[in-house]
Amino acid sequence: MEEKNENLNECCCCMSCKKKERSEKEYTNLLNRLSRIEGQIRGIKGMVENDAYCVDIIRQVMAASAALNSFNKELIASHIKTCVADNIKNGNMEVVDELVSTVHKLMK
């Protein structure tokens, strides 16, 4: 695993480079969440393969969907606190339009 930046104030999330250096804690937390979601999806696939009852599958899909929504909430909060704030401080207001567009897509 590559070493992650420990300084939360160092955010390479400018509009031109489209990258962000995350703290080790944030990186680990996001990957752990994604691994759990991945496990849920594999479980759902197994349920379909084993002819599980439709309602049971639907319940698991709802749980996976809620987990993805939770992941998105955490990621967007981090994005606002670091990338958006840093870009605004540097005079780049385009990031606000990008954020608004992203939030609109999330709310569909």
N, C-alpha and C. Protein backbone atom coordinates (compact mmCIF):
# COMPACT_ATOMS: atom_id res chain seq x y z
N MET A 1 0.85 -1.18 0.00
CA MET A 1 0.00 0.00 0.00
C MET A 1 0.89 1.24 0.00
N GLU A 2 0.55 2.19 -0.86
CA GLU A 2 1.37 3.38 -0.90
C GLU A 2 1.09 4.26 0.31
N GLU A 3 2.10 5.02 0.71
CA GLU A 3 1.97 5.86 1.89
C GLU A 3 1.05 7.03 1.57
N LYS A 4 0.14 7.33 2.49
CA LYS A 4 -0.81 8.43 2.30
C LYS A 4 -0.37 9.65 3.08
N ASN A 5 -0.77 10.82 2.64
CA ASN A 5 -0.44 12.07 3.26
C ASN A 5 -1.18 12.20 4.59
N GLU A 6 -0.47 12.51 5.66
CA GLU A 6 -1.08 12.64 6.99
C GLU A 6 -1.61 14.05 7.24
N ASN A 7 -1.25 15.02 6.43
CA ASN A 7 -1.65 16.39 6.67
C ASN A 7 -2.94 16.69 5.91
N LEU A 8 -4.04 16.86 6.66
CA LEU A 8 -5.34 17.10 6.03
C LEU A 8 -5.38 18.42 5.28
N ASN A 9 -4.50 19.37 5.62
CA ASN A 9 -4.52 20.66 4.96
C ASN A 9 -3.87 20.62 3.58
N GLU A 10 -3.13 19.57 3.28
CA GLU A 10 -2.52 19.44 1.97
C GLU A 10 -3.49 18.69 1.06
N CYS A 11 -4.26 19.42 0.33
CA CYS A 11 -5.28 18.82 -0.51
C CYS A 11 -4.96 19.11 -1.97
N CYS A 12 -4.58 18.11 -2.69
CA CYS A 12 -4.39 18.29 -4.12
C CYS A 12 -5.71 17.90 -4.78
N CYS A 13 -6.64 18.79 -4.73
CA CYS A 13 -7.94 18.51 -5.33
C CYS A 13 -8.35 19.71 -6.16
N CYS A 14 -7.38 20.25 -6.87
CA CYS A 14 -7.69 21.38 -7.72
C CYS A 14 -8.47 20.88 -8.94
N MET A 15 -9.18 21.77 -9.56
CA MET A 15 -10.02 21.39 -10.69
C MET A 15 -9.19 20.86 -11.86
N SER A 16 -7.92 21.28 -11.96
CA SER A 16 -7.13 20.86 -13.12
C SER A 16 -6.51 19.48 -12.96
N CYS A 17 -6.07 19.12 -11.74
CA CYS A 17 -5.39 17.83 -11.59
C CYS A 17 -6.34 16.70 -11.21
N LYS A 18 -7.50 17.01 -10.64
CA LYS A 18 -8.53 16.02 -10.32
C LYS A 18 -8.00 14.85 -9.49
N LYS A 19 -7.18 15.15 -8.50
CA LYS A 19 -6.69 14.14 -7.57
C LYS A 19 -6.77 14.70 -6.17
N LYS A 20 -6.82 13.80 -5.19
CA LYS A 20 -6.84 14.24 -3.80
C LYS A 20 -5.99 13.30 -2.97
N GLU A 21 -5.10 13.87 -2.19
CA GLU A 21 -4.33 13.09 -1.25
C GLU A 21 -5.13 13.01 0.04
N ARG A 22 -5.42 11.77 0.48
CA ARG A 22 -6.21 11.56 1.69
C ARG A 22 -5.30 11.17 2.84
N SER A 23 -5.74 11.49 4.04
CA SER A 23 -5.02 11.03 5.22
C SER A 23 -5.13 9.51 5.27
N GLU A 24 -4.22 8.89 5.99
CA GLU A 24 -4.25 7.43 6.13
C GLU A 24 -5.58 6.99 6.76
N LYS A 25 -6.05 7.75 7.73
CA LYS A 25 -7.32 7.42 8.41
C LYS A 25 -8.50 7.46 7.43
N GLU A 26 -8.59 8.53 6.65
CA GLU A 26 -9.69 8.65 5.68
C GLU A 26 -9.59 7.55 4.63
N TYR A 27 -8.40 7.31 4.13
CA TYR A 27 -8.15 6.29 3.11
C TYR A 27 -8.60 4.92 3.62
N THR A 28 -8.17 4.56 4.82
CA THR A 28 -8.51 3.27 5.40
C THR A 28 -10.01 3.16 5.65
N ASN A 29 -10.61 4.21 6.18
CA ASN A 29 -12.05 4.21 6.45
C ASN A 29 -12.85 4.00 5.17
N LEU A 30 -12.51 4.73 4.12
CA LEU A 30 -13.24 4.59 2.86
C LEU A 30 -13.07 3.20 2.26
N LEU A 31 -11.85 2.68 2.28
CA LEU A 31 -11.63 1.34 1.74
C LEU A 31 -12.35 0.26 2.55
N ASN A 32 -12.37 0.42 3.88
CA ASN A 32 -13.10 -0.54 4.71
C ASN A 32 -14.59 -0.54 4.40
N ARG A 33 -15.15 0.65 4.24
CA ARG A 33 -16.57 0.75 3.89
C ARG A 33 -16.85 0.07 2.54
N LEU A 34 -15.98 0.34 1.57
CA LEU A 34 -16.16 -0.26 0.24
C LEU A 34 -16.01 -1.78 0.28
N SER A 35 -15.12 -2.27 1.11
CA SER A 35 -14.97 -3.72 1.24
C SER A 35 -16.22 -4.36 1.82
N ARG A 36 -16.84 -3.69 2.81
CA ARG A 36 -18.09 -4.22 3.37
C ARG A 36 -19.20 -4.20 2.32
N ILE A 37 -19.28 -3.12 1.56
CA ILE A 37 -20.29 -3.03 0.50
C ILE A 37 -20.06 -4.11 -0.55
N GLU A 38 -18.80 -4.31 -0.91
CA GLU A 38 -18.45 -5.35 -1.87
C GLU A 38 -18.91 -6.72 -1.36
N GLY A 39 -18.71 -6.96 -0.07
CA GLY A 39 -19.17 -8.21 0.53
C GLY A 39 -20.68 -8.35 0.48
N GLN A 40 -21.38 -7.24 0.70
CA GLN A 40 -22.85 -7.27 0.61
C GLN A 40 -23.28 -7.62 -0.81
N ILE A 41 -22.63 -7.05 -1.79
CA ILE A 41 -22.99 -7.32 -3.19
C ILE A 41 -22.71 -8.79 -3.54
N ARG A 42 -21.58 -9.31 -3.09
CA ARG A 42 -21.30 -10.73 -3.31
C ARG A 42 -22.36 -11.60 -2.64
N GLY A 43 -22.80 -11.19 -1.46
CA GLY A 43 -23.85 -11.93 -0.76
C GLY A 43 -25.16 -11.92 -1.54
N ILE A 44 -25.49 -10.79 -2.11
CA ILE A 44 -26.71 -10.68 -2.92
C ILE A 44 -26.60 -11.58 -4.15
N LYS A 45 -25.44 -11.57 -4.79
CA LYS A 45 -25.23 -12.44 -5.94
C LYS A 45 -25.42 -13.90 -5.54
N GLY A 46 -24.88 -14.26 -4.40
CA GLY A 46 -25.04 -15.63 -3.91
C GLY A 46 -26.49 -15.97 -3.64
N MET A 47 -27.23 -15.01 -3.13
CA MET A 47 -28.65 -15.24 -2.88
C MET A 47 -29.40 -15.53 -4.19
N VAL A 48 -29.08 -14.76 -5.22
CA VAL A 48 -29.71 -14.97 -6.53
C VAL A 48 -29.31 -16.35 -7.07
N GLU A 49 -28.03 -16.67 -6.98
CA GLU A 49 -27.55 -17.97 -7.46
C GLU A 49 -28.20 -19.14 -6.72
N ASN A 50 -28.55 -18.92 -5.45
CA ASN A 50 -29.17 -19.97 -4.64
C ASN A 50 -30.69 -19.87 -4.59
N ASP A 51 -31.26 -19.09 -5.51
CA ASP A 51 -32.72 -18.98 -5.62
C ASP A 51 -33.39 -18.53 -4.33
N ALA A 52 -32.79 -17.54 -3.65
CA ALA A 52 -33.37 -17.01 -2.41
C ALA A 52 -34.70 -16.32 -2.74
N TYR A 53 -35.51 -16.19 -1.72
CA TYR A 53 -36.82 -15.54 -1.82
C TYR A 53 -36.63 -14.07 -2.22
N CYS A 54 -37.43 -13.58 -3.14
CA CYS A 54 -37.29 -12.23 -3.70
C CYS A 54 -37.23 -11.15 -2.62
N VAL A 55 -38.12 -11.21 -1.65
CA VAL A 55 -38.17 -10.18 -0.62
C VAL A 55 -36.89 -10.16 0.21
N ASP A 56 -36.32 -11.33 0.44
CA ASP A 56 -35.05 -11.40 1.17
C ASP A 56 -33.93 -10.73 0.38
N ILE A 57 -33.93 -10.93 -0.92
CA ILE A 57 -32.92 -10.29 -1.78
C ILE A 57 -33.13 -8.78 -1.77
N ILE A 58 -34.38 -8.37 -1.90
CA ILE A 58 -34.69 -6.93 -1.92
C ILE A 58 -34.21 -6.26 -0.64
N ARG A 59 -34.41 -6.92 0.49
CA ARG A 59 -33.95 -6.35 1.77
C ARG A 59 -32.44 -6.17 1.77
N GLN A 60 -31.73 -7.14 1.23
CA GLN A 60 -30.27 -7.02 1.18
C GLN A 60 -29.83 -5.93 0.21
N VAL A 61 -30.55 -5.78 -0.89
CA VAL A 61 -30.24 -4.71 -1.84
C VAL A 61 -30.47 -3.35 -1.18
N MET A 62 -31.54 -3.22 -0.40
CA MET A 62 -31.80 -1.96 0.30
C MET A 62 -30.68 -1.66 1.29
N ALA A 63 -30.17 -2.69 1.97
CA ALA A 63 -29.08 -2.48 2.91
C ALA A 63 -27.81 -2.04 2.18
N ALA A 64 -27.53 -2.64 1.04
CA ALA A 64 -26.35 -2.26 0.25
C ALA A 64 -26.50 -0.83 -0.28
N SER A 65 -27.70 -0.50 -0.70
CA SER A 65 -27.96 0.85 -1.19
C SER A 65 -27.77 1.88 -0.07
N ALA A 66 -28.24 1.57 1.13
CA ALA A 66 -28.07 2.47 2.27
C ALA A 66 -26.58 2.62 2.60
N ALA A 67 -25.83 1.54 2.49
CA ALA A 67 -24.39 1.60 2.75
C ALA A 67 -23.69 2.49 1.72
N LEU A 68 -24.08 2.41 0.46
CA LEU A 68 -23.51 3.28 -0.56
C LEU A 68 -23.87 4.74 -0.31
N ASN A 69 -25.11 4.98 0.10
CA ASN A 69 -25.52 6.35 0.43
C ASN A 69 -24.70 6.91 1.59
N SER A 70 -24.45 6.08 2.59
CA SER A 70 -23.65 6.50 3.72
C SER A 70 -22.21 6.80 3.29
N PHE A 71 -21.68 5.97 2.41
CA PHE A 71 -20.34 6.20 1.85
C PHE A 71 -20.30 7.55 1.14
N ASN A 72 -21.32 7.81 0.31
CA ASN A 72 -21.38 9.08 -0.42
C ASN A 72 -21.45 10.27 0.53
N LYS A 73 -22.23 10.17 1.60
CA LYS A 73 -22.34 11.27 2.56
C LYS A 73 -20.99 11.58 3.19
N GLU A 74 -20.27 10.54 3.57
CA GLU A 74 -18.96 10.74 4.17
C GLU A 74 -17.99 11.36 3.17
N LEU A 75 -18.00 10.86 1.95
CA LEU A 75 -17.09 11.36 0.93
C LEU A 75 -17.39 12.80 0.56
N ILE A 76 -18.66 13.14 0.42
CA ILE A 76 -19.00 14.52 0.04
C ILE A 76 -18.70 15.49 1.18
N ALA A 77 -18.89 15.05 2.43
CA ALA A 77 -18.54 15.91 3.56
C ALA A 77 -17.05 16.21 3.56
N SER A 78 -16.24 15.19 3.34
CA SER A 78 -14.80 15.38 3.26
C SER A 78 -14.44 16.30 2.10
N HIS A 79 -15.09 16.09 0.98
CA HIS A 79 -14.83 16.91 -0.21
C HIS A 79 -15.11 18.39 0.07
N ILE A 80 -16.22 18.66 0.72
CA ILE A 80 -16.58 20.05 1.03
C ILE A 80 -15.57 20.67 2.00
N LYS A 81 -15.21 19.92 3.04
CA LYS A 81 -14.31 20.44 4.08
C LYS A 81 -12.90 20.67 3.57
N THR A 82 -12.49 19.93 2.56
CA THR A 82 -11.11 20.06 2.09
C THR A 82 -11.07 20.67 0.69
N CYS A 83 -11.46 19.93 -0.28
CA CYS A 83 -11.30 20.35 -1.68
C CYS A 83 -12.07 21.63 -1.99
N VAL A 84 -13.34 21.66 -1.64
CA VAL A 84 -14.15 22.84 -1.95
C VAL A 84 -13.63 24.05 -1.18
N ALA A 85 -13.41 23.88 0.11
CA ALA A 85 -12.92 25.00 0.93
C ALA A 85 -11.59 25.52 0.41
N ASP A 86 -10.66 24.61 0.10
CA ASP A 86 -9.35 25.03 -0.40
C ASP A 86 -9.46 25.77 -1.73
N ASN A 87 -10.30 25.26 -2.63
CA ASN A 87 -10.47 25.93 -3.93
C ASN A 87 -11.08 27.31 -3.77
N ILE A 88 -12.06 27.45 -2.88
CA ILE A 88 -12.66 28.77 -2.65
C ILE A 88 -11.63 29.73 -2.08
N LYS A 89 -10.84 29.25 -1.11
CA LYS A 89 -9.78 30.09 -0.52
C LYS A 89 -8.79 30.56 -1.58
N ASN A 90 -8.57 29.72 -2.59
CA ASN A 90 -7.64 30.07 -3.67
C ASN A 90 -8.31 30.82 -4.81
N GLY A 91 -9.57 31.20 -4.62
CA GLY A 91 -10.27 32.00 -5.62
C GLY A 91 -10.91 31.22 -6.75
N ASN A 92 -10.94 29.92 -6.65
CA ASN A 92 -11.54 29.10 -7.70
C ASN A 92 -12.99 28.81 -7.35
N MET A 93 -13.88 29.61 -7.88
CA MET A 93 -15.30 29.45 -7.56
C MET A 93 -15.99 28.42 -8.45
N GLU A 94 -15.30 27.93 -9.49
CA GLU A 94 -15.88 26.88 -10.35
C GLU A 94 -16.23 25.64 -9.55
N VAL A 95 -15.50 25.42 -8.46
CA VAL A 95 -15.73 24.24 -7.63
C VAL A 95 -17.13 24.25 -7.02
N VAL A 96 -17.69 25.42 -6.83
CA VAL A 96 -19.05 25.52 -6.28
C VAL A 96 -20.06 24.98 -7.29
N ASP A 97 -19.90 25.36 -8.55
CA ASP A 97 -20.79 24.85 -9.60
C ASP A 97 -20.68 23.34 -9.72
N GLU A 98 -19.44 22.83 -9.63
CA GLU A 98 -19.22 21.39 -9.70
C GLU A 98 -19.92 20.69 -8.53
N LEU A 99 -19.82 21.27 -7.34
CA LEU A 99 -20.47 20.70 -6.16
C LEU A 99 -21.99 20.70 -6.31
N VAL A 100 -22.54 21.81 -6.76
CA VAL A 100 -23.99 21.89 -6.96
C VAL A 100 -24.46 20.84 -7.95
N SER A 101 -23.75 20.70 -9.05
CA SER A 101 -24.09 19.69 -10.06
C SER A 101 -24.02 18.28 -9.47
N THR A 102 -22.99 18.02 -8.69
CA THR A 102 -22.84 16.71 -8.06
C THR A 102 -23.98 16.42 -7.10
N VAL A 103 -24.33 17.40 -6.27
CA VAL A 103 -25.42 17.22 -5.31
C VAL A 103 -26.74 16.98 -6.04
N HIS A 104 -26.98 17.70 -7.12
CA HIS A 104 -28.20 17.47 -7.91
C HIS A 104 -28.25 16.04 -8.41
N LYS A 105 -27.13 15.54 -8.90
CA LYS A 105 -27.10 14.15 -9.40
C LYS A 105 -27.33 13.16 -8.28
N LEU A 106 -26.78 13.44 -7.10
CA LEU A 106 -26.97 12.55 -5.95
C LEU A 106 -28.42 12.49 -5.50
N MET A 107 -29.14 13.59 -5.71
CA MET A 107 -30.51 13.67 -5.21
C MET A 107 -31.54 13.13 -6.19
N LYS A 108 -31.11 12.66 -7.34
CA LYS A 108 -32.05 12.11 -8.32
C LYS A 108 -32.67 10.84 -7.83
